[in-house]
């Protein structure tokens, strides 16, 4: 074999190995980041604390500074709980309402459904 052909073969082997190892590490890292981004199922309480409590308060009564400023709904109000449907709560979380932002692009359907259930549990 000529020296140029040997160098070419060696270079191709090195590049091929580097490409394969890079592809494998990229696939592994994307799998790891995807699985770590999935929230724990049934963890509506922590999701509520992260996304809703600033305005609606940790107890759902909307007595926080931000809740008073934005006129957030008191989620514990029994009369409101009786009048509103799960679908309406879902739509409010998903699409937003008034000063409340939409969460349809930030939360999955399962997350929104778990929040609906959590909101129902706040009834006093």
PDB file of N, CA and C in Angstrom:
ATOM      1  N   UNK A   1       0.843  -1.182   0.000  1.00  0.00           N
ATOM      2  CA  UNK A   1       0.000   0.000   0.000  1.00  0.00           C
ATOM      3  C   UNK A   1       0.885   1.241   0.000  1.00  0.00           C
ATOM      4  N   UNK A   2       0.485   2.251  -0.724  1.00  0.00           N
ATOM      5  CA  UNK A   2       1.279   3.477  -0.739  1.00  0.00           C
ATOM      6  C   UNK A   2       1.065   4.233   0.567  1.00  0.00           C
ATOM      7  N   UNK A   3       2.010   5.116   0.884  1.00  0.00           N
ATOM      8  CA  UNK A   3       1.928   5.871   2.134  1.00  0.00           C
ATOM      9  C   UNK A   3       0.695   6.773   2.145  1.00  0.00           C
ATOM     10  N   UNK A   4       0.341   7.360   1.029  1.00  0.00           N
ATOM     11  CA  UNK A   4      -0.840   8.222   0.972  1.00  0.00           C
ATOM     12  C   UNK A   4      -2.115   7.424   1.237  1.00  0.00           C
ATOM     13  N   UNK A   5      -2.180   6.227   0.676  1.00  0.00           N
ATOM     14  CA  UNK A   5      -3.351   5.384   0.884  1.00  0.00           C
ATOM     15  C   UNK A   5      -3.431   4.933   2.337  1.00  0.00           C
ATOM     16  N   UNK A   6      -2.286   4.630   2.945  1.00  0.00           N
ATOM     17  CA  UNK A   6      -2.259   4.247   4.353  1.00  0.00           C
ATOM     18  C   UNK A   6      -2.711   5.409   5.244  1.00  0.00           C
ATOM     19  N   UNK A   7      -2.227   6.614   4.948  1.00  0.00           N
ATOM     20  CA  UNK A   7      -2.625   7.790   5.720  1.00  0.00           C
ATOM     21  C   UNK A   7      -4.125   8.055   5.576  1.00  0.00           C
ATOM     22  N   UNK A   8      -4.615   7.903   4.345  1.00  0.00           N
ATOM     23  CA  UNK A   8      -6.038   8.102   4.103  1.00  0.00           C
ATOM     24  C   UNK A   8      -6.868   7.091   4.893  1.00  0.00           C
ATOM     25  N   UNK A   9      -6.460   5.830   4.866  1.00  0.00           N
ATOM     26  CA  UNK A   9      -7.189   4.786   5.586  1.00  0.00           C
ATOM     27  C   UNK A   9      -7.149   5.038   7.095  1.00  0.00           C
ATOM     28  N   UNK A  10      -5.994   5.437   7.614  1.00  0.00           N
ATOM     29  CA  UNK A  10      -5.861   5.730   9.033  1.00  0.00           C
ATOM     30  C   UNK A  10      -6.739   6.929   9.415  1.00  0.00           C
ATOM     31  N   UNK A  11      -6.710   7.974   8.603  1.00  0.00           N
ATOM     32  CA  UNK A  11      -7.530   9.165   8.870  1.00  0.00           C
ATOM     33  C   UNK A  11      -9.014   8.834   8.836  1.00  0.00           C
ATOM     34  N   UNK A  12      -9.437   8.037   7.866  1.00  0.00           N
ATOM     35  CA  UNK A  12     -10.842   7.657   7.770  1.00  0.00           C
ATOM     36  C   UNK A  12     -11.263   6.825   8.977  1.00  0.00           C
ATOM     37  N   UNK A  13     -10.389   5.948   9.419  1.00  0.00           N
ATOM     38  CA  UNK A  13     -10.702   5.126  10.592  1.00  0.00           C
ATOM     39  C   UNK A  13     -10.846   6.004  11.837  1.00  0.00           C
ATOM     40  N   UNK A  14      -9.953   6.971  11.998  1.00  0.00           N
ATOM     41  CA  UNK A  14     -10.021   7.862  13.157  1.00  0.00           C
ATOM     42  C   UNK A  14     -11.285   8.708  13.109  1.00  0.00           C
ATOM     43  N   UNK A  15     -11.559   9.291  11.948  1.00  0.00           N
ATOM     44  CA  UNK A  15     -12.773  10.103  11.804  1.00  0.00           C
ATOM     45  C   UNK A  15     -14.030   9.272  12.017  1.00  0.00           C
ATOM     46  N   UNK A  16     -14.048   8.068  11.481  1.00  0.00           N
ATOM     47  CA  UNK A  16     -15.210   7.196  11.652  1.00  0.00           C
ATOM     48  C   UNK A  16     -15.442   6.846  13.108  1.00  0.00           C
ATOM     49  N   UNK A  17     -14.381   6.550  13.841  1.00  0.00           N
ATOM     50  CA  UNK A  17     -14.508   6.233  15.257  1.00  0.00           C
ATOM     51  C   UNK A  17     -14.972   7.457  16.037  1.00  0.00           C
ATOM     52  N   UNK A  18     -14.393   8.613  15.719  1.00  0.00           N
ATOM     53  CA  UNK A  18     -14.791   9.847  16.399  1.00  0.00           C
ATOM     54  C   UNK A  18     -16.253  10.170  16.152  1.00  0.00           C
ATOM     55  N   UNK A  19     -16.715   9.972  14.921  1.00  0.00           N
ATOM     56  CA  UNK A  19     -18.114  10.226  14.589  1.00  0.00           C
ATOM     57  C   UNK A  19     -19.028   9.279  15.354  1.00  0.00           C
ATOM     58  N   UNK A  20     -18.660   7.994  15.399  1.00  0.00           N
ATOM     59  CA  UNK A  20     -19.489   7.018  16.104  1.00  0.00           C
ATOM     60  C   UNK A  20     -19.544   7.306  17.595  1.00  0.00           C
ATOM     61  N   UNK A  21     -18.407   7.649  18.188  1.00  0.00           N
ATOM     62  CA  UNK A  21     -18.416   7.916  19.621  1.00  0.00           C
ATOM     63  C   UNK A  21     -19.177   9.199  19.925  1.00  0.00           C
ATOM     64  N   UNK A  22     -19.083  10.223  19.026  1.00  0.00           N
ATOM     65  CA  UNK A  22     -19.844  11.456  19.219  1.00  0.00           C
ATOM     66  C   UNK A  22     -21.341  11.179  19.090  1.00  0.00           C
ATOM     67  N   UNK A  23     -21.741  10.383  18.123  1.00  0.00           N
ATOM     68  CA  UNK A  23     -23.155  10.050  17.938  1.00  0.00           C
ATOM     69  C   UNK A  23     -23.703   9.305  19.145  1.00  0.00           C
ATOM     70  N   UNK A  24     -22.913   8.376  19.660  1.00  0.00           N
ATOM     71  CA  UNK A  24     -23.356   7.603  20.814  1.00  0.00           C
ATOM     72  C   UNK A  24     -23.483   8.491  22.049  1.00  0.00           C
ATOM     73  N   UNK A  25     -22.516   9.396  22.245  1.00  0.00           N
ATOM     74  CA  UNK A  25     -22.593  10.257  23.425  1.00  0.00           C
ATOM     75  C   UNK A  25     -23.736  11.263  23.292  1.00  0.00           C
ATOM     76  N   UNK A  26     -24.001  11.747  22.060  1.00  0.00           N
ATOM     77  CA  UNK A  26     -25.119  12.666  21.841  1.00  0.00           C
ATOM     78  C   UNK A  26     -26.437  11.961  22.107  1.00  0.00           C
ATOM     79  N   UNK A  27     -26.583  10.741  21.630  1.00  0.00           N
ATOM     80  CA  UNK A  27     -27.815   9.985  21.858  1.00  0.00           C
ATOM     81  C   UNK A  27     -28.008   9.720  23.349  1.00  0.00           C
ATOM     82  N   UNK A  28     -26.922   9.378  24.034  1.00  0.00           N
ATOM     83  CA  UNK A  28     -27.007   9.121  25.468  1.00  0.00           C
ATOM     84  C   UNK A  28     -27.386  10.381  26.227  1.00  0.00           C
ATOM     85  N   UNK A  29     -26.751  11.513  25.890  1.00  0.00           N
ATOM     86  CA  UNK A  29     -27.057  12.743  26.616  1.00  0.00           C
ATOM     87  C   UNK A  29     -28.473  13.210  26.338  1.00  0.00           C
ATOM     88  N   UNK A  30     -28.995  13.032  25.117  1.00  0.00           N
ATOM     89  CA  UNK A  30     -30.367  13.455  24.852  1.00  0.00           C
ATOM     90  C   UNK A  30     -31.357  12.549  25.577  1.00  0.00           C
ATOM     91  N   UNK A  31     -31.034  11.275  25.727  1.00  0.00           N
ATOM     92  CA  UNK A  31     -31.897  10.375  26.471  1.00  0.00           C
ATOM     93  C   UNK A  31     -31.905  10.748  27.948  1.00  0.00           C
ATOM     94  N   UNK A  32     -30.743  11.055  28.482  1.00  0.00           N
ATOM     95  CA  UNK A  32     -30.641  11.411  29.889  1.00  0.00           C
ATOM     96  C   UNK A  32     -31.380  12.712  30.161  1.00  0.00           C
ATOM     97  N   UNK A  33     -31.205  13.731  29.303  1.00  0.00           N
ATOM     98  CA  UNK A  33     -31.874  15.003  29.552  1.00  0.00           C
ATOM     99  C   UNK A  33     -33.380  14.880  29.385  1.00  0.00           C
ATOM    100  N   UNK A  34     -33.843  14.045  28.485  1.00  0.00           N
ATOM    101  CA  UNK A  34     -35.279  13.874  28.298  1.00  0.00           C
ATOM    102  C   UNK A  34     -35.897  13.195  29.506  1.00  0.00           C
ATOM    103  N   UNK A  35     -35.268  12.167  30.008  1.00  0.00           N
ATOM    104  CA  UNK A  35     -35.844  11.460  31.136  1.00  0.00           C
ATOM    105  C   UNK A  35     -35.772  12.280  32.413  1.00  0.00           C
ATOM    106  N   UNK A  36     -34.745  13.127  32.570  1.00  0.00           N
ATOM    107  CA  UNK A  36     -34.656  13.920  33.786  1.00  0.00           C
ATOM    108  C   UNK A  36     -35.634  15.093  33.769  1.00  0.00           C
ATOM    109  N   UNK A  37     -36.122  15.496  32.582  1.00  0.00           N
ATOM    110  CA  UNK A  37     -37.056  16.616  32.485  1.00  0.00           C
ATOM    111  C   UNK A  37     -38.490  16.198  32.761  1.00  0.00           C
ATOM    112  N   UNK A  38     -38.771  14.907  32.788  1.00  0.00           N
ATOM    113  CA  UNK A  38     -40.127  14.425  33.019  1.00  0.00           C
ATOM    114  C   UNK A  38     -40.447  14.531  34.503  1.00  0.00           C
ATOM    115  N   UNK A  39     -41.512  15.278  34.850  1.00  0.00           N
ATOM    116  CA  UNK A  39     -41.846  15.398  36.269  1.00  0.00           C
ATOM    117  C   UNK A  39     -42.408  14.105  36.820  1.00  0.00           C
ATOM    118  N   UNK A  40     -42.318  13.958  38.107  1.00  0.00           N
ATOM    119  CA  UNK A  40     -42.865  12.793  38.783  1.00  0.00           C
ATOM    120  C   UNK A  40     -44.382  12.771  38.622  1.00  0.00           C
ATOM    121  N   UNK A  41     -44.966  11.644  38.262  1.00  0.00           N
ATOM    122  CA  UNK A  41     -46.414  11.585  38.152  1.00  0.00           C
ATOM    123  C   UNK A  41     -47.076  11.754  39.511  1.00  0.00           C
ATOM    124  N   UNK A  42     -48.203  12.462  39.523  1.00  0.00           N
ATOM    125  CA  UNK A  42     -48.932  12.656  40.771  1.00  0.00           C
ATOM    126  C   UNK A  42     -48.316  13.699  41.683  1.00  0.00           C
ATOM    127  N   UNK A  43     -47.414  14.505  41.153  1.00  0.00           N
ATOM    128  CA  UNK A  43     -46.751  15.511  41.961  1.00  0.00           C
ATOM    129  C   UNK A  43     -47.363  16.884  41.704  1.00  0.00           C
ATOM    130  N   UNK A  44     -48.679  16.946  41.737  1.00  0.00           N
ATOM    131  CA  UNK A  44     -49.403  18.178  41.446  1.00  0.00           C
ATOM    132  C   UNK A  44     -49.112  19.247  42.487  1.00  0.00           C
ATOM    133  N   UNK A  45     -48.850  18.863  43.707  1.00  0.00           N
ATOM    134  CA  UNK A  45     -48.583  19.826  44.772  1.00  0.00           C
ATOM    135  C   UNK A  45     -47.342  20.662  44.461  1.00  0.00           C
ATOM    136  N   UNK A  46     -46.262  20.013  44.072  1.00  0.00           N
ATOM    137  CA  UNK A  46     -45.045  20.773  43.761  1.00  0.00           C
ATOM    138  C   UNK A  46     -45.217  21.564  42.465  1.00  0.00           C
ATOM    139  N   UNK A  47     -45.966  21.039  41.523  1.00  0.00           N
ATOM    140  CA  UNK A  47     -46.258  21.768  40.289  1.00  0.00           C
ATOM    141  C   UNK A  47     -47.071  23.020  40.603  1.00  0.00           C
ATOM    142  N   UNK A  48     -48.056  22.885  41.476  1.00  0.00           N
ATOM    143  CA  UNK A  48     -48.851  24.028  41.921  1.00  0.00           C
ATOM    144  C   UNK A  48     -47.950  25.059  42.603  1.00  0.00           C
ATOM    145  N   UNK A  49     -47.059  24.593  43.475  1.00  0.00           N
ATOM    146  CA  UNK A  49     -46.151  25.509  44.174  1.00  0.00           C
ATOM    147  C   UNK A  49     -45.281  26.283  43.192  1.00  0.00           C
ATOM    148  N   UNK A  50     -44.841  25.633  42.126  1.00  0.00           N
ATOM    149  CA  UNK A  50     -43.954  26.278  41.150  1.00  0.00           C
ATOM    150  C   UNK A  50     -44.699  27.228  40.215  1.00  0.00           C
ATOM    151  N   UNK A  51     -45.885  26.847  39.783  1.00  0.00           N
ATOM    152  CA  UNK A  51     -46.569  27.600  38.732  1.00  0.00           C
ATOM    153  C   UNK A  51     -47.728  28.466  39.211  1.00  0.00           C
ATOM    154  N   UNK A  52     -48.332  28.146  40.338  1.00  0.00           N
ATOM    155  CA  UNK A  52     -49.597  28.791  40.721  1.00  0.00           C
ATOM    156  C   UNK A  52     -49.545  29.554  42.040  1.00  0.00           C
ATOM    157  N   UNK A  53     -48.717  29.109  42.958  1.00  0.00           N
ATOM    158  CA  UNK A  53     -48.749  29.631  44.324  1.00  0.00           C
ATOM    159  C   UNK A  53     -48.366  31.099  44.440  1.00  0.00           C
ATOM    160  N   UNK A  54     -47.561  31.623  43.515  1.00  0.00           N
ATOM    161  CA  UNK A  54     -47.198  33.036  43.600  1.00  0.00           C
ATOM    162  C   UNK A  54     -48.435  33.928  43.605  1.00  0.00           C
ATOM    163  N   UNK A  55     -49.420  33.589  42.801  1.00  0.00           N
ATOM    164  CA  UNK A  55     -50.642  34.397  42.722  1.00  0.00           C
ATOM    165  C   UNK A  55     -51.775  33.832  43.589  1.00  0.00           C
ATOM    166  N   UNK A  56     -51.988  32.528  43.537  1.00  0.00           N
ATOM    167  CA  UNK A  56     -53.116  31.921  44.237  1.00  0.00           C
ATOM    168  C   UNK A  56     -52.786  31.565  45.686  1.00  0.00           C
ATOM    169  N   UNK A  57     -51.530  31.690  46.071  1.00  0.00           N
ATOM    170  CA  UNK A  57     -51.112  31.389  47.434  1.00  0.00           C
ATOM    171  C   UNK A  57     -50.918  29.903  47.649  1.00  0.00           C
ATOM    172  N   UNK A  58     -50.069  29.571  48.589  1.00  0.00           N
ATOM    173  CA  UNK A  58     -49.804  28.153  48.883  1.00  0.00           C
ATOM    174  C   UNK A  58     -51.062  27.421  49.325  1.00  0.00           C
ATOM    175  N   UNK A  59     -51.970  28.146  49.986  1.00  0.00           N
ATOM    176  CA  UNK A  59     -53.205  27.531  50.458  1.00  0.00           C
ATOM    177  C   UNK A  59     -54.370  27.720  49.483  1.00  0.00           C
ATOM    178  N   UNK A  60     -54.138  28.418  48.362  1.00  0.00           N
ATOM    179  CA  UNK A  60     -55.178  28.610  47.354  1.00  0.00           C
ATOM    180  C   UNK A  60     -56.091  29.791  47.603  1.00  0.00           C
ATOM    181  N   UNK A  61     -55.846  30.551  48.660  1.00  0.00           N
ATOM    182  CA  UNK A  61     -56.766  31.627  49.035  1.00  0.00           C
ATOM    183  C   UNK A  61     -56.448  32.968  48.387  1.00  0.00           C
ATOM    184  N   UNK A  62     -55.390  33.039  47.596  1.00  0.00           N
ATOM    185  CA  UNK A  62     -55.004  34.242  46.842  1.00  0.00           C
ATOM    186  C   UNK A  62     -54.746  35.444  47.745  1.00  0.00           C
ATOM    187  N   UNK A  63     -54.183  35.206  48.904  1.00  0.00           N
ATOM    188  CA  UNK A  63     -53.903  36.300  49.834  1.00  0.00           C
ATOM    189  C   UNK A  63     -52.453  36.771  49.758  1.00  0.00           C
ATOM    190  N   UNK A  64     -51.730  36.323  48.739  1.00  0.00           N
ATOM    191  CA  UNK A  64     -50.357  36.763  48.559  1.00  0.00           C
ATOM    192  C   UNK A  64     -50.365  38.189  48.010  1.00  0.00           C
ATOM    193  N   UNK A  65     -49.231  38.865  48.108  1.00  0.00           N
ATOM    194  CA  UNK A  65     -49.125  40.223  47.579  1.00  0.00           C
ATOM    195  C   UNK A  65     -49.473  40.236  46.091  1.00  0.00           C
ATOM    196  N   UNK A  66     -48.871  39.323  45.368  1.00  0.00           N
ATOM    197  CA  UNK A  66     -49.117  39.245  43.924  1.00  0.00           C
ATOM    198  C   UNK A  66     -50.566  38.869  43.626  1.00  0.00           C
ATOM    199  N   UNK A  67     -51.137  37.989  44.428  1.00  0.00           N
ATOM    200  CA  UNK A  67     -52.525  37.577  44.243  1.00  0.00           C
ATOM    201  C   UNK A  67     -53.490  38.719  44.439  1.00  0.00           C
ATOM    202  N   UNK A  68     -53.226  39.544  45.428  1.00  0.00           N
ATOM    203  CA  UNK A  68     -54.075  40.715  45.665  1.00  0.00           C
ATOM    204  C   UNK A  68     -53.928  41.720  44.534  1.00  0.00           C
ATOM    205  N   UNK A  69     -52.719  41.889  44.063  1.00  0.00           N
ATOM    206  CA  UNK A  69     -52.447  42.847  42.989  1.00  0.00           C
ATOM    207  C   UNK A  69     -53.103  42.434  41.670  1.00  0.00           C
ATOM    208  N   UNK A  70     -53.101  41.145  41.392  1.00  0.00           N
ATOM    209  CA  UNK A  70     -53.666  40.657  40.125  1.00  0.00           C
ATOM    210  C   UNK A  70     -55.121  40.214  40.248  1.00  0.00           C
ATOM    211  N   UNK A  71     -55.677  40.316  41.446  1.00  0.00           N
ATOM    212  CA  UNK A  71     -57.053  39.882  41.710  1.00  0.00           C
ATOM    213  C   UNK A  71     -57.243  38.405  41.354  1.00  0.00           C
ATOM    214  N   UNK A  72     -56.303  37.589  41.815  1.00  0.00           N
ATOM    215  CA  UNK A  72     -56.354  36.148  41.555  1.00  0.00           C
ATOM    216  C   UNK A  72     -57.546  35.518  42.262  1.00  0.00           C
ATOM    217  N   UNK A  73     -58.054  34.454  41.692  1.00  0.00           N
ATOM    218  CA  UNK A  73     -59.213  33.746  42.228  1.00  0.00           C
ATOM    219  C   UNK A  73     -58.855  33.009  43.509  1.00  0.00           C
ATOM    220  N   UNK A  74     -59.743  33.054  44.477  1.00  0.00           N
ATOM    221  CA  UNK A  74     -59.635  32.246  45.686  1.00  0.00           C
ATOM    222  C   UNK A  74     -60.120  30.845  45.311  1.00  0.00           C
ATOM    223  N   UNK A  75     -59.191  29.923  45.201  1.00  0.00           N
ATOM    224  CA  UNK A  75     -59.517  28.568  44.745  1.00  0.00           C
ATOM    225  C   UNK A  75     -60.195  27.726  45.820  1.00  0.00           C
ATOM    226  N   UNK A  76     -60.230  28.225  47.048  1.00  0.00           N
ATOM    227  CA  UNK A  76     -60.857  27.471  48.132  1.00  0.00           C
ATOM    228  C   UNK A  76     -62.342  27.796  48.275  1.00  0.00           C
ATOM    229  N   UNK A  77     -62.826  28.812  47.584  1.00  0.00           N
ATOM    230  CA  UNK A  77     -64.213  29.265  47.697  1.00  0.00           C
ATOM    231  C   UNK A  77     -65.187  28.153  47.297  1.00  0.00           C
ATOM    232  N   UNK A  78     -65.975  27.688  48.246  1.00  0.00           N
ATOM    233  CA  UNK A  78     -66.897  26.568  48.017  1.00  0.00           C
ATOM    234  C   UNK A  78     -67.935  26.896  46.946  1.00  0.00           C
ATOM    235  N   UNK A  79     -68.449  28.117  46.950  1.00  0.00           N
ATOM    236  CA  UNK A  79     -69.459  28.506  45.958  1.00  0.00           C
ATOM    237  C   UNK A  79     -68.865  28.456  44.545  1.00  0.00           C
ATOM    238  N   UNK A  80     -67.658  28.994  44.375  1.00  0.00           N
ATOM    239  CA  UNK A  80     -67.001  28.936  43.066  1.00  0.00           C
ATOM    240  C   UNK A  80     -66.741  27.488  42.662  1.00  0.00           C
ATOM    241  N   UNK A  81     -66.271  26.667  43.599  1.00  0.00           N
ATOM    242  CA  UNK A  81     -65.992  25.258  43.327  1.00  0.00           C
ATOM    243  C   UNK A  81     -67.249  24.535  42.835  1.00  0.00           C
ATOM    244  N   UNK A  82     -68.415  24.866  43.390  1.00  0.00           N
ATOM    245  CA  UNK A  82     -69.670  24.237  42.966  1.00  0.00           C
ATOM    246  C   UNK A  82     -70.083  24.672  41.564  1.00  0.00           C
ATOM    247  N   UNK A  83     -69.835  25.917  41.235  1.00  0.00           N
ATOM    248  CA  UNK A  83     -70.302  26.467  39.968  1.00  0.00           C
ATOM    249  C   UNK A  83     -69.405  26.141  38.781  1.00  0.00           C
ATOM    250  N   UNK A  84     -68.138  25.952  39.015  1.00  0.00           N
ATOM    251  CA  UNK A  84     -67.190  25.771  37.911  1.00  0.00           C
ATOM    252  C   UNK A  84     -67.010  24.284  37.582  1.00  0.00           C
ATOM    253  N   UNK A  85     -66.867  23.985  36.297  1.00  0.00           N
ATOM    254  CA  UNK A  85     -66.639  22.601  35.862  1.00  0.00           C
ATOM    255  C   UNK A  85     -65.140  22.328  35.766  1.00  0.00           C
ATOM    256  N   UNK A  86     -64.793  21.047  35.768  1.00  0.00           N
ATOM    257  CA  UNK A  86     -63.391  20.665  35.573  1.00  0.00           C
ATOM    258  C   UNK A  86     -62.888  21.169  34.226  1.00  0.00           C
ATOM    259  N   UNK A  87     -63.749  21.112  33.220  1.00  0.00           N
ATOM    260  CA  UNK A  87     -63.365  21.570  31.880  1.00  0.00           C
ATOM    261  C   UNK A  87     -63.016  23.061  31.887  1.00  0.00           C
ATOM    262  N   UNK A  88     -63.791  23.847  32.612  1.00  0.00           N
ATOM    263  CA  UNK A  88     -63.519  25.278  32.681  1.00  0.00           C
ATOM    264  C   UNK A  88     -62.201  25.553  33.403  1.00  0.00           C
ATOM    265  N   UNK A  89     -61.939  24.824  34.473  1.00  0.00           N
ATOM    266  CA  UNK A  89     -60.661  24.982  35.181  1.00  0.00           C
ATOM    267  C   UNK A  89     -59.510  24.597  34.254  1.00  0.00           C
ATOM    268  N   UNK A  90     -59.675  23.484  33.547  1.00  0.00           N
ATOM    269  CA  UNK A  90     -58.656  23.030  32.598  1.00  0.00           C
ATOM    270  C   UNK A  90     -58.393  24.115  31.550  1.00  0.00           C
ATOM    271  N   UNK A  91     -59.472  24.672  30.982  1.00  0.00           N
ATOM    272  CA  UNK A  91     -59.329  25.695  29.949  1.00  0.00           C
ATOM    273  C   UNK A  91     -58.670  26.961  30.495  1.00  0.00           C
ATOM    274  N   UNK A  92     -58.982  27.324  31.723  1.00  0.00           N
ATOM    275  CA  UNK A  92     -58.359  28.510  32.326  1.00  0.00           C
ATOM    276  C   UNK A  92     -56.859  28.303  32.503  1.00  0.00           C
ATOM    277  N   UNK A  93     -56.464  27.130  32.947  1.00  0.00           N
ATOM    278  CA  UNK A  93     -55.043  26.833  33.113  1.00  0.00           C
ATOM    279  C   UNK A  93     -54.365  26.775  31.745  1.00  0.00           C
ATOM    280  N   UNK A  94     -54.994  26.119  30.820  1.00  0.00           N
ATOM    281  CA  UNK A  94     -54.412  25.917  29.499  1.00  0.00           C
ATOM    282  C   UNK A  94     -54.320  27.213  28.690  1.00  0.00           C
ATOM    283  N   UNK A  95     -55.414  27.970  28.648  1.00  0.00           N
ATOM    284  CA  UNK A  95     -55.497  29.144  27.776  1.00  0.00           C
ATOM    285  C   UNK A  95     -55.276  30.465  28.496  1.00  0.00           C
ATOM    286  N   UNK A  96     -55.260  30.438  29.812  1.00  0.00           N
ATOM    287  CA  UNK A  96     -55.146  31.662  30.578  1.00  0.00           C
ATOM    288  C   UNK A  96     -56.505  32.330  30.712  1.00  0.00           C
ATOM    289  N   UNK A  97     -56.576  33.283  31.617  1.00  0.00           N
ATOM    290  CA  UNK A  97     -57.834  34.006  31.807  1.00  0.00           C
ATOM    291  C   UNK A  97     -57.512  35.318  32.508  1.00  0.00           C
ATOM    292  N   UNK A  98     -57.931  36.428  31.914  1.00  0.00           N
ATOM    293  CA  UNK A  98     -57.612  37.728  32.496  1.00  0.00           C
ATOM    294  C   UNK A  98     -56.105  37.913  32.562  1.00  0.00           C
ATOM    295  N   UNK A  99     -55.596  38.169  33.769  1.00  0.00           N
ATOM    296  CA  UNK A  99     -54.157  38.369  33.945  1.00  0.00           C
ATOM    297  C   UNK A  99     -53.399  37.059  34.102  1.00  0.00           C
ATOM    298  N   UNK A 100     -54.133  35.943  34.178  1.00  0.00           N
ATOM    299  CA  UNK A 100     -53.484  34.637  34.329  1.00  0.00           C
ATOM    300  C   UNK A 100     -52.901  34.195  32.988  1.00  0.00           C
ATOM    301  N   UNK A 101     -51.623  33.820  32.977  1.00  0.00           N
ATOM    302  CA  UNK A 101     -51.009  33.387  31.716  1.00  0.00           C
ATOM    303  C   UNK A 101     -51.479  32.000  31.286  1.00  0.00           C
ATOM    304  N   UNK A 102     -51.350  31.721  30.007  1.00  0.00           N
ATOM    305  CA  UNK A 102     -51.672  30.398  29.460  1.00  0.00           C
ATOM    306  C   UNK A 102     -50.503  29.451  29.727  1.00  0.00           C
ATOM    307  N   UNK A 103     -50.817  28.227  30.088  1.00  0.00           N
ATOM    308  CA  UNK A 103     -49.782  27.233  30.371  1.00  0.00           C
ATOM    309  C   UNK A 103     -49.790  26.071  29.383  1.00  0.00           C
ATOM    310  N   UNK A 104     -50.571  26.169  28.307  1.00  0.00           N
ATOM    311  CA  UNK A 104     -50.686  25.053  27.363  1.00  0.00           C
ATOM    312  C   UNK A 104     -49.354  24.688  26.716  1.00  0.00           C
ATOM    313  N   UNK A 105     -48.461  25.645  26.533  1.00  0.00           N
ATOM    314  CA  UNK A 105     -47.167  25.361  25.909  1.00  0.00           C
ATOM    315  C   UNK A 105     -46.086  25.046  26.935  1.00  0.00           C
ATOM    316  N   UNK A 106     -46.402  25.244  28.216  1.00  0.00           N
ATOM    317  CA  UNK A 106     -45.420  25.006  29.275  1.00  0.00           C
ATOM    318  C   UNK A 106     -45.683  23.723  30.040  1.00  0.00           C
ATOM    319  N   UNK A 107     -46.947  23.249  30.004  1.00  0.00           N
ATOM    320  CA  UNK A 107     -47.330  22.058  30.761  1.00  0.00           C
ATOM    321  C   UNK A 107     -47.997  21.046  29.840  1.00  0.00           C
ATOM    322  N   UNK A 108     -47.832  19.785  30.149  1.00  0.00           N
ATOM    323  CA  UNK A 108     -48.497  18.723  29.383  1.00  0.00           C
ATOM    324  C   UNK A 108     -49.962  18.629  29.796  1.00  0.00           C
ATOM    325  N   UNK A 109     -50.743  17.918  29.006  1.00  0.00           N
ATOM    326  CA  UNK A 109     -52.155  17.682  29.354  1.00  0.00           C
ATOM    327  C   UNK A 109     -52.269  16.973  30.698  1.00  0.00           C
ATOM    328  N   UNK A 110     -51.381  16.021  30.932  1.00  0.00           N
ATOM    329  CA  UNK A 110     -51.403  15.285  32.208  1.00  0.00           C
ATOM    330  C   UNK A 110     -51.114  16.222  33.378  1.00  0.00           C
ATOM    331  N   UNK A 111     -50.169  17.151  33.204  1.00  0.00           N
ATOM    332  CA  UNK A 111     -49.865  18.109  34.258  1.00  0.00           C
ATOM    333  C   UNK A 111     -51.071  19.006  34.541  1.00  0.00           C
ATOM    334  N   UNK A 112     -51.724  19.476  33.475  1.00  0.00           N
ATOM    335  CA  UNK A 112     -52.885  20.345  33.651  1.00  0.00           C
ATOM    336  C   UNK A 112     -54.019  19.584  34.327  1.00  0.00           C
ATOM    337  N   UNK A 113     -54.237  18.346  33.922  1.00  0.00           N
ATOM    338  CA  UNK A 113     -55.267  17.527  34.573  1.00  0.00           C
ATOM    339  C   UNK A 113     -54.960  17.307  36.046  1.00  0.00           C
ATOM    340  N   UNK A 114     -53.696  17.106  36.378  1.00  0.00           N
ATOM    341  CA  UNK A 114     -53.338  16.918  37.788  1.00  0.00           C
ATOM    342  C   UNK A 114     -53.555  18.214  38.569  1.00  0.00           C
ATOM    343  N   UNK A 115     -53.332  19.356  37.929  1.00  0.00           N
ATOM    344  CA  UNK A 115     -53.605  20.623  38.593  1.00  0.00           C
ATOM    345  C   UNK A 115     -55.102  20.838  38.812  1.00  0.00           C
ATOM    346  N   UNK A 116     -55.924  20.405  37.859  1.00  0.00           N
ATOM    347  CA  UNK A 116     -57.377  20.498  38.037  1.00  0.00           C
ATOM    348  C   UNK A 116     -57.789  19.709  39.274  1.00  0.00           C
ATOM    349  N   UNK A 117     -57.281  18.504  39.408  1.00  0.00           N
ATOM    350  CA  UNK A 117     -57.581  17.666  40.572  1.00  0.00           C
ATOM    351  C   UNK A 117     -57.085  18.334  41.853  1.00  0.00           C
ATOM    352  N   UNK A 118     -55.896  18.918  41.787  1.00  0.00           N
ATOM    353  CA  UNK A 118     -55.338  19.586  42.957  1.00  0.00           C
ATOM    354  C   UNK A 118     -56.190  20.789  43.351  1.00  0.00           C
ATOM    355  N   UNK A 119     -56.623  21.576  42.369  1.00  0.00           N
ATOM    356  CA  UNK A 119     -57.479  22.735  42.641  1.00  0.00           C
ATOM    357  C   UNK A 119     -58.763  22.283  43.324  1.00  0.00           C
ATOM    358  N   UNK A 120     -59.323  21.169  42.876  1.00  0.00           N
ATOM    359  CA  UNK A 120     -60.531  20.628  43.521  1.00  0.00           C
ATOM    360  C   UNK A 120     -60.269  20.252  44.981  1.00  0.00           C
ATOM    361  N   UNK A 121     -59.058  19.815  45.270  1.00  0.00           N
ATOM    362  CA  UNK A 121     -58.746  19.410  46.642  1.00  0.00           C
ATOM    363  C   UNK A 121     -58.599  20.606  47.598  1.00  0.00           C
ATOM    364  N   UNK A 122     -58.518  21.815  47.057  1.00  0.00           N
ATOM    365  CA  UNK A 122     -58.359  23.018  47.883  1.00  0.00           C
ATOM    366  C   UNK A 122     -59.674  23.535  48.465  1.00  0.00           C
ATOM    367  N   UNK A 123     -60.773  22.967  48.033  1.00  0.00           N
ATOM    368  CA  UNK A 123     -62.098  23.421  48.486  1.00  0.00           C
ATOM    369  C   UNK A 123     -62.214  23.381  50.005  1.00  0.00           C
ATOM    370  N   UNK A 124     -62.755  24.437  50.567  1.00  0.00           N
ATOM    371  CA  UNK A 124     -62.942  24.518  52.029  1.00  0.00           C
ATOM    372  C   UNK A 124     -64.393  24.370  52.378  1.00  0.00           C
TER     373      UNK A 124
END
